[in-house]
Amino acid sequence: MIDNTLKLKKAIRFALLFFAIFTGISGTISLSIVTLLLSRDGQLQSQYPAIIILAILIYLGSGLSLLIRSKFFKKEGISDE
């Protein structure tokens, strides 16, 4: 039973880390593409609030994932020693 909970904790830690990395990278790419396209049309000034809200939502989710990972799933609690 302990082995199953250990595997579950490791899987959750990996999923939280993968989510944070994937969200950060895909969010950065999508925001750069949106910014590039809007700057060509000259609409970037009027869309700043929407871009900022989108960036906050993207990076807040990534940061919360890392915070949950660090607070609830400490590495010492999952080690095989």
N, C-alpha and C. Protein backbone atom coordinates (compact mmCIF):
# COMPACT_ATOMS: atom_id res chain seq x y z
N MET A 1 0.81 -1.19 0.00
CA MET A 1 0.00 0.00 0.00
C MET A 1 0.85 1.26 0.00
N ILE A 2 1.96 1.21 0.74
CA ILE A 2 2.86 2.36 0.79
C ILE A 2 3.48 2.58 -0.58
N ASP A 3 3.77 1.51 -1.29
CA ASP A 3 4.37 1.61 -2.61
C ASP A 3 3.43 2.32 -3.60
N ASN A 4 2.13 2.02 -3.48
CA ASN A 4 1.15 2.66 -4.37
C ASN A 4 1.04 4.16 -4.09
N THR A 5 1.05 4.55 -2.83
CA THR A 5 0.97 5.98 -2.51
C THR A 5 2.24 6.69 -2.92
N LEU A 6 3.37 6.01 -2.81
CA LEU A 6 4.64 6.60 -3.25
C LEU A 6 4.63 6.84 -4.75
N LYS A 7 4.13 5.88 -5.50
CA LYS A 7 4.05 6.04 -6.96
C LYS A 7 3.05 7.13 -7.33
N LEU A 8 1.96 7.20 -6.59
CA LEU A 8 0.96 8.24 -6.86
C LEU A 8 1.54 9.63 -6.58
N LYS A 9 2.25 9.79 -5.48
CA LYS A 9 2.88 11.07 -5.17
C LYS A 9 3.89 11.46 -6.24
N LYS A 10 4.68 10.51 -6.68
CA LYS A 10 5.66 10.80 -7.73
C LYS A 10 4.97 11.19 -9.04
N ALA A 11 3.89 10.53 -9.34
CA ALA A 11 3.15 10.85 -10.57
C ALA A 11 2.53 12.24 -10.49
N ILE A 12 1.99 12.58 -9.34
CA ILE A 12 1.39 13.91 -9.17
C ILE A 12 2.47 14.99 -9.23
N ARG A 13 3.61 14.75 -8.59
CA ARG A 13 4.71 15.73 -8.66
C ARG A 13 5.15 15.93 -10.10
N PHE A 14 5.28 14.84 -10.85
CA PHE A 14 5.70 14.96 -12.25
C PHE A 14 4.64 15.69 -13.07
N ALA A 15 3.37 15.39 -12.83
CA ALA A 15 2.30 16.04 -13.59
C ALA A 15 2.26 17.53 -13.31
N LEU A 16 2.46 17.93 -12.06
CA LEU A 16 2.47 19.36 -11.73
C LEU A 16 3.65 20.07 -12.38
N LEU A 17 4.81 19.43 -12.38
CA LEU A 17 5.98 20.02 -13.02
C LEU A 17 5.80 20.10 -14.53
N PHE A 18 5.28 19.04 -15.12
CA PHE A 18 5.04 19.03 -16.56
C PHE A 18 4.02 20.10 -16.95
N PHE A 19 2.97 20.25 -16.16
CA PHE A 19 1.96 21.27 -16.43
C PHE A 19 2.58 22.66 -16.38
N ALA A 20 3.41 22.92 -15.37
CA ALA A 20 4.03 24.24 -15.23
C ALA A 20 4.95 24.54 -16.41
N ILE A 21 5.76 23.58 -16.81
CA ILE A 21 6.68 23.79 -17.92
C ILE A 21 5.92 23.95 -19.23
N PHE A 22 4.97 23.06 -19.48
CA PHE A 22 4.21 23.11 -20.72
C PHE A 22 3.38 24.38 -20.83
N THR A 23 2.74 24.78 -19.74
CA THR A 23 1.94 26.00 -19.74
C THR A 23 2.81 27.23 -19.94
N GLY A 24 3.95 27.26 -19.29
CA GLY A 24 4.86 28.40 -19.44
C GLY A 24 5.38 28.55 -20.85
N ILE A 25 5.79 27.45 -21.44
CA ILE A 25 6.33 27.50 -22.80
C ILE A 25 5.24 27.83 -23.81
N SER A 26 4.11 27.13 -23.73
CA SER A 26 3.05 27.39 -24.70
C SER A 26 2.44 28.78 -24.51
N GLY A 27 2.36 29.26 -23.29
CA GLY A 27 1.86 30.60 -23.04
C GLY A 27 2.78 31.67 -23.59
N THR A 28 4.08 31.47 -23.42
CA THR A 28 5.04 32.42 -23.95
C THR A 28 4.99 32.46 -25.47
N ILE A 29 4.90 31.30 -26.09
CA ILE A 29 4.83 31.25 -27.55
C ILE A 29 3.55 31.90 -28.06
N SER A 30 2.43 31.58 -27.44
CA SER A 30 1.17 32.16 -27.91
C SER A 30 1.10 33.67 -27.67
N LEU A 31 1.61 34.13 -26.54
CA LEU A 31 1.62 35.57 -26.29
C LEU A 31 2.54 36.31 -27.26
N SER A 32 3.67 35.71 -27.60
CA SER A 32 4.57 36.37 -28.55
C SER A 32 3.95 36.41 -29.94
N ILE A 33 3.24 35.38 -30.32
CA ILE A 33 2.59 35.38 -31.63
C ILE A 33 1.47 36.41 -31.67
N VAL A 34 0.66 36.48 -30.63
CA VAL A 34 -0.42 37.46 -30.57
C VAL A 34 0.14 38.87 -30.60
N THR A 35 1.19 39.11 -29.84
CA THR A 35 1.81 40.43 -29.81
C THR A 35 2.39 40.80 -31.17
N LEU A 36 3.02 39.85 -31.81
CA LEU A 36 3.60 40.11 -33.13
C LEU A 36 2.51 40.42 -34.15
N LEU A 37 1.43 39.66 -34.14
CA LEU A 37 0.34 39.90 -35.10
C LEU A 37 -0.37 41.22 -34.84
N LEU A 38 -0.57 41.56 -33.57
CA LEU A 38 -1.24 42.82 -33.26
C LEU A 38 -0.36 44.03 -33.55
N SER A 39 0.95 43.86 -33.41
CA SER A 39 1.83 45.00 -33.68
C SER A 39 1.89 45.30 -35.17
N ARG A 40 1.69 44.31 -36.01
CA ARG A 40 1.67 44.54 -37.46
C ARG A 40 0.43 45.33 -37.88
N ASP A 41 -0.69 45.06 -37.22
CA ASP A 41 -1.93 45.74 -37.56
C ASP A 41 -2.07 47.11 -36.89
N GLY A 42 -1.21 47.42 -35.95
CA GLY A 42 -1.29 48.68 -35.24
C GLY A 42 -2.34 48.70 -34.15
N GLN A 43 -2.80 47.56 -33.70
CA GLN A 43 -3.84 47.46 -32.67
C GLN A 43 -3.28 47.09 -31.31
N LEU A 44 -1.98 47.11 -31.17
CA LEU A 44 -1.37 46.64 -29.93
C LEU A 44 -1.72 47.54 -28.75
N GLN A 45 -1.75 48.84 -28.95
CA GLN A 45 -2.05 49.77 -27.86
C GLN A 45 -3.44 49.54 -27.27
N SER A 46 -4.40 49.26 -28.12
CA SER A 46 -5.77 49.08 -27.62
C SER A 46 -5.99 47.71 -26.98
N GLN A 47 -5.10 46.77 -27.20
CA GLN A 47 -5.28 45.42 -26.68
C GLN A 47 -4.38 45.09 -25.48
N TYR A 48 -3.68 46.10 -24.95
CA TYR A 48 -2.81 45.86 -23.80
C TYR A 48 -3.54 45.23 -22.60
N PRO A 49 -4.70 45.73 -22.18
CA PRO A 49 -5.36 45.10 -21.02
C PRO A 49 -5.68 43.62 -21.24
N ALA A 50 -6.13 43.26 -22.42
CA ALA A 50 -6.46 41.86 -22.69
C ALA A 50 -5.19 41.00 -22.68
N ILE A 51 -4.12 41.50 -23.24
CA ILE A 51 -2.86 40.75 -23.25
C ILE A 51 -2.32 40.58 -21.85
N ILE A 52 -2.41 41.61 -21.03
CA ILE A 52 -1.92 41.52 -19.66
C ILE A 52 -2.75 40.54 -18.84
N ILE A 53 -4.07 40.57 -18.99
CA ILE A 53 -4.92 39.62 -18.27
C ILE A 53 -4.63 38.19 -18.71
N LEU A 54 -4.43 37.98 -19.99
CA LEU A 54 -4.10 36.65 -20.51
C LEU A 54 -2.76 36.17 -19.96
N ALA A 55 -1.78 37.05 -19.91
CA ALA A 55 -0.47 36.67 -19.37
C ALA A 55 -0.56 36.34 -17.89
N ILE A 56 -1.33 37.13 -17.15
CA ILE A 56 -1.48 36.86 -15.73
C ILE A 56 -2.13 35.49 -15.51
N LEU A 57 -3.16 35.17 -16.26
CA LEU A 57 -3.83 33.88 -16.10
C LEU A 57 -2.91 32.72 -16.46
N ILE A 58 -2.15 32.88 -17.52
CA ILE A 58 -1.25 31.81 -17.95
C ILE A 58 -0.17 31.55 -16.91
N TYR A 59 0.52 32.62 -16.49
CA TYR A 59 1.64 32.44 -15.58
C TYR A 59 1.19 32.22 -14.14
N LEU A 60 -0.01 32.64 -13.78
CA LEU A 60 -0.54 32.35 -12.45
C LEU A 60 -0.82 30.86 -12.30
N GLY A 61 -1.39 30.25 -13.33
CA GLY A 61 -1.62 28.80 -13.29
C GLY A 61 -0.32 28.02 -13.19
N SER A 62 0.68 28.47 -13.91
CA SER A 62 1.97 27.81 -13.87
C SER A 62 2.62 27.98 -12.49
N GLY A 63 2.54 29.18 -11.96
CA GLY A 63 3.12 29.43 -10.64
C GLY A 63 2.40 28.69 -9.54
N LEU A 64 1.08 28.62 -9.62
CA LEU A 64 0.32 27.87 -8.61
C LEU A 64 0.66 26.38 -8.65
N SER A 65 0.88 25.87 -9.83
CA SER A 65 1.27 24.48 -9.96
C SER A 65 2.60 24.21 -9.27
N LEU A 66 3.56 25.10 -9.46
CA LEU A 66 4.85 24.95 -8.79
C LEU A 66 4.75 25.16 -7.29
N LEU A 67 3.88 26.08 -6.86
CA LEU A 67 3.69 26.31 -5.44
C LEU A 67 3.07 25.09 -4.76
N ILE A 68 2.06 24.52 -5.37
CA ILE A 68 1.44 23.30 -4.83
C ILE A 68 2.45 22.18 -4.77
N ARG A 69 3.24 22.06 -5.82
CA ARG A 69 4.26 21.01 -5.87
C ARG A 69 5.28 21.18 -4.76
N SER A 70 5.69 22.40 -4.48
CA SER A 70 6.72 22.61 -3.47
C SER A 70 6.16 22.50 -2.04
N LYS A 71 4.93 22.92 -1.82
CA LYS A 71 4.38 22.92 -0.47
C LYS A 71 3.84 21.56 -0.04
N PHE A 72 3.13 20.88 -0.91
CA PHE A 72 2.45 19.66 -0.51
C PHE A 72 3.22 18.38 -0.83
N PHE A 73 4.12 18.44 -1.78
CA PHE A 73 4.85 17.23 -2.17
C PHE A 73 6.34 17.48 -2.06
N LYS A 74 6.83 17.55 -0.84
CA LYS A 74 8.25 17.78 -0.63
C LYS A 74 9.04 16.56 -1.04
N LYS A 75 10.23 16.80 -1.58
CA LYS A 75 11.07 15.73 -2.09
C LYS A 75 11.46 14.75 -0.97
N GLU A 76 11.68 15.24 0.24
CA GLU A 76 12.09 14.37 1.33
C GLU A 76 11.00 13.34 1.68
N GLY A 77 9.76 13.69 1.49
CA GLY A 77 8.66 12.80 1.83
C GLY A 77 8.47 11.68 0.83
N ILE A 78 9.08 11.78 -0.34
CA ILE A 78 8.87 10.79 -1.38
C ILE A 78 10.11 9.95 -1.66
N SER A 79 11.22 10.28 -1.05
CA SER A 79 12.46 9.59 -1.37
C SER A 79 12.38 8.11 -1.01
N ASP A 80 13.18 7.31 -1.68
CA ASP A 80 13.15 5.86 -1.49
C ASP A 80 14.02 5.40 -0.32
N GLU A 81 14.64 6.33 0.37
CA GLU A 81 15.55 5.95 1.46
C GLU A 81 14.81 5.50 2.68
